[in-house]
N, C-alpha and C. Protein backbone atom coordinates (compact mmCIF):
# COMPACT_ATOMS: atom_id res chain seq x y z
N MET A 1 0.82 -1.20 0.00
CA MET A 1 0.00 0.00 0.00
C MET A 1 0.86 1.27 0.00
N ALA A 2 1.99 1.23 0.69
CA ALA A 2 2.89 2.38 0.73
C ALA A 2 3.43 2.70 -0.67
N PHE A 3 3.66 1.65 -1.45
CA PHE A 3 4.16 1.81 -2.81
C PHE A 3 3.15 2.59 -3.66
N ILE A 4 1.89 2.24 -3.54
CA ILE A 4 0.83 2.91 -4.31
C ILE A 4 0.73 4.37 -3.87
N THR A 5 0.85 4.61 -2.59
CA THR A 5 0.79 5.98 -2.07
C THR A 5 1.94 6.81 -2.64
N ARG A 6 3.14 6.22 -2.70
CA ARG A 6 4.29 6.93 -3.27
C ARG A 6 4.08 7.21 -4.75
N LEU A 7 3.51 6.24 -5.45
CA LEU A 7 3.24 6.43 -6.88
C LEU A 7 2.23 7.56 -7.09
N LYS A 8 1.18 7.57 -6.28
CA LYS A 8 0.17 8.63 -6.40
C LYS A 8 0.79 9.99 -6.10
N SER A 9 1.65 10.03 -5.11
CA SER A 9 2.33 11.28 -4.77
C SER A 9 3.21 11.74 -5.92
N GLY A 10 3.93 10.80 -6.52
CA GLY A 10 4.78 11.13 -7.67
C GLY A 10 3.97 11.64 -8.84
N VAL A 11 2.85 10.99 -9.11
CA VAL A 11 1.97 11.41 -10.21
C VAL A 11 1.43 12.81 -9.93
N SER A 12 1.04 13.04 -8.70
CA SER A 12 0.52 14.35 -8.32
C SER A 12 1.57 15.45 -8.53
N LYS A 13 2.81 15.17 -8.16
CA LYS A 13 3.89 16.14 -8.35
C LYS A 13 4.13 16.39 -9.84
N GLN A 14 4.08 15.32 -10.62
CA GLN A 14 4.28 15.46 -12.07
C GLN A 14 3.16 16.27 -12.70
N GLU A 15 1.94 16.05 -12.25
CA GLU A 15 0.81 16.82 -12.77
C GLU A 15 0.97 18.29 -12.43
N ALA A 16 1.44 18.59 -11.22
CA ALA A 16 1.67 19.98 -10.83
C ALA A 16 2.76 20.60 -11.70
N THR A 17 3.80 19.83 -11.96
CA THR A 17 4.90 20.32 -12.80
C THR A 17 4.40 20.59 -14.22
N VAL A 18 3.61 19.68 -14.76
CA VAL A 18 3.06 19.86 -16.10
C VAL A 18 2.18 21.11 -16.15
N ALA A 19 1.36 21.32 -15.14
CA ALA A 19 0.50 22.50 -15.11
C ALA A 19 1.34 23.78 -15.07
N GLN A 20 2.40 23.76 -14.30
CA GLN A 20 3.28 24.92 -14.21
C GLN A 20 3.97 25.17 -15.55
N LEU A 21 4.42 24.11 -16.19
CA LEU A 21 5.07 24.26 -17.50
C LEU A 21 4.10 24.78 -18.55
N ARG A 22 2.86 24.32 -18.50
CA ARG A 22 1.86 24.82 -19.45
C ARG A 22 1.64 26.32 -19.25
N SER A 23 1.60 26.73 -18.00
CA SER A 23 1.44 28.14 -17.69
C SER A 23 2.62 28.95 -18.22
N THR A 24 3.81 28.42 -18.03
CA THR A 24 5.02 29.09 -18.52
C THR A 24 5.00 29.21 -20.03
N VAL A 25 4.62 28.14 -20.71
CA VAL A 25 4.54 28.16 -22.17
C VAL A 25 3.52 29.19 -22.64
N ALA A 26 2.38 29.25 -21.98
CA ALA A 26 1.34 30.22 -22.35
C ALA A 26 1.87 31.65 -22.20
N GLN A 27 2.58 31.91 -21.12
CA GLN A 27 3.15 33.24 -20.91
C GLN A 27 4.19 33.56 -21.99
N GLN A 28 5.00 32.60 -22.33
CA GLN A 28 6.01 32.81 -23.37
C GLN A 28 5.36 33.05 -24.72
N GLN A 29 4.27 32.34 -25.01
CA GLN A 29 3.57 32.55 -26.27
C GLN A 29 3.02 33.98 -26.35
N LYS A 30 2.44 34.45 -25.25
CA LYS A 30 1.93 35.82 -25.23
C LYS A 30 3.07 36.82 -25.43
N GLY A 31 4.19 36.55 -24.78
CA GLY A 31 5.35 37.42 -24.95
C GLY A 31 5.85 37.44 -26.38
N MET A 32 5.90 36.28 -27.01
CA MET A 32 6.35 36.20 -28.40
C MET A 32 5.37 36.91 -29.33
N GLU A 33 4.09 36.79 -29.05
CA GLU A 33 3.09 37.49 -29.86
C GLU A 33 3.29 38.99 -29.76
N ALA A 34 3.61 39.48 -28.57
CA ALA A 34 3.87 40.90 -28.38
C ALA A 34 5.12 41.33 -29.14
N VAL A 35 6.16 40.51 -29.10
CA VAL A 35 7.40 40.82 -29.82
C VAL A 35 7.14 40.84 -31.32
N ILE A 36 6.39 39.88 -31.81
CA ILE A 36 6.09 39.81 -33.25
C ILE A 36 5.28 41.04 -33.67
N ALA A 37 4.30 41.42 -32.87
CA ALA A 37 3.50 42.61 -33.20
C ALA A 37 4.39 43.85 -33.24
N HIS A 38 5.31 43.96 -32.30
CA HIS A 38 6.22 45.11 -32.26
C HIS A 38 7.13 45.10 -33.49
N LEU A 39 7.63 43.94 -33.87
CA LEU A 39 8.49 43.85 -35.05
C LEU A 39 7.73 44.23 -36.32
N LYS A 40 6.48 43.81 -36.42
CA LYS A 40 5.68 44.17 -37.59
C LYS A 40 5.47 45.67 -37.65
N GLU A 41 5.24 46.28 -36.50
CA GLU A 41 5.06 47.73 -36.43
C GLU A 41 6.36 48.44 -36.86
N GLN A 42 7.48 47.95 -36.36
CA GLN A 42 8.77 48.54 -36.73
C GLN A 42 9.04 48.37 -38.23
N ASP A 43 8.69 47.22 -38.77
CA ASP A 43 8.88 46.96 -40.20
C ASP A 43 8.07 47.96 -41.02
N SER A 44 6.85 48.20 -40.59
CA SER A 44 5.99 49.15 -41.29
C SER A 44 6.60 50.55 -41.26
N LYS A 45 7.12 50.95 -40.11
CA LYS A 45 7.74 52.27 -39.98
C LYS A 45 8.99 52.37 -40.85
N ILE A 46 9.77 51.31 -40.89
CA ILE A 46 10.97 51.30 -41.73
C ILE A 46 10.59 51.43 -43.19
N GLN A 47 9.54 50.74 -43.61
CA GLN A 47 9.08 50.84 -44.99
C GLN A 47 8.64 52.26 -45.31
N ASP A 48 7.92 52.90 -44.36
CA ASP A 48 7.48 54.29 -44.57
C ASP A 48 8.68 55.22 -44.74
N VAL A 49 9.68 55.07 -43.90
CA VAL A 49 10.87 55.91 -43.99
C VAL A 49 11.61 55.65 -45.30
N SER A 50 11.73 54.39 -45.68
CA SER A 50 12.39 54.06 -46.95
C SER A 50 11.67 54.70 -48.13
N THR A 51 10.36 54.67 -48.09
CA THR A 51 9.57 55.29 -49.15
C THR A 51 9.81 56.79 -49.19
N GLN A 52 9.82 57.43 -48.03
CA GLN A 52 10.06 58.87 -47.97
C GLN A 52 11.46 59.22 -48.49
N ILE A 53 12.43 58.41 -48.15
CA ILE A 53 13.80 58.65 -48.64
C ILE A 53 13.82 58.56 -50.16
N GLU A 54 13.17 57.56 -50.71
CA GLU A 54 13.13 57.41 -52.17
C GLU A 54 12.43 58.60 -52.82
N LEU A 55 11.35 59.07 -52.22
CA LEU A 55 10.61 60.19 -52.79
C LEU A 55 11.41 61.49 -52.71
N ASN A 56 12.27 61.62 -51.73
CA ASN A 56 13.03 62.86 -51.53
C ASN A 56 14.38 62.86 -52.24
N LYS A 57 14.72 61.77 -52.89
CA LYS A 57 15.98 61.75 -53.63
C LYS A 57 15.86 62.68 -54.84
N PRO A 58 16.91 63.45 -55.09
CA PRO A 58 16.84 64.31 -56.28
C PRO A 58 16.86 63.45 -57.55
N ALA A 59 16.21 63.98 -58.56
CA ALA A 59 16.17 63.26 -59.84
C ALA A 59 17.57 63.26 -60.44
N PRO A 60 17.93 62.21 -61.13
CA PRO A 60 19.26 62.18 -61.75
C PRO A 60 19.37 63.27 -62.82
N ARG A 61 20.54 63.88 -62.88
CA ARG A 61 20.77 64.95 -63.86
C ARG A 61 21.46 64.39 -65.09
N THR A 62 21.05 64.92 -66.19
CA THR A 62 21.68 64.53 -67.45
C THR A 62 22.59 65.68 -67.88
N VAL A 63 23.82 65.36 -68.14
CA VAL A 63 24.78 66.38 -68.57
C VAL A 63 24.94 66.27 -70.08
N LEU A 64 24.72 67.40 -70.74
CA LEU A 64 24.90 67.43 -72.19
C LEU A 64 26.31 67.88 -72.51
N ASN A 65 26.92 67.19 -73.40
CA ASN A 65 28.27 67.54 -73.81
C ASN A 65 28.19 68.08 -75.24
N ASN A 66 28.07 69.41 -75.37
CA ASN A 66 27.95 70.04 -76.69
C ASN A 66 29.34 70.43 -77.18
N GLN A 67 29.95 69.57 -77.89
CA GLN A 67 31.28 69.89 -78.42
C GLN A 67 31.23 70.08 -79.89
């Protein structure tokens, strides 16, 4: 009977560990989702700045050589 009690105790501890790990994974997933959202926002801002830089570049000049 003591053996069964020890097994039940071990199973109970493992279940608690699994529950804690699931909670940790859920928190990490939320954190990663926040990081991904932030990166997408930064990417959008970088694209906007790149577009503005392209629009503000002076047009290429053509030099005529009248000899």
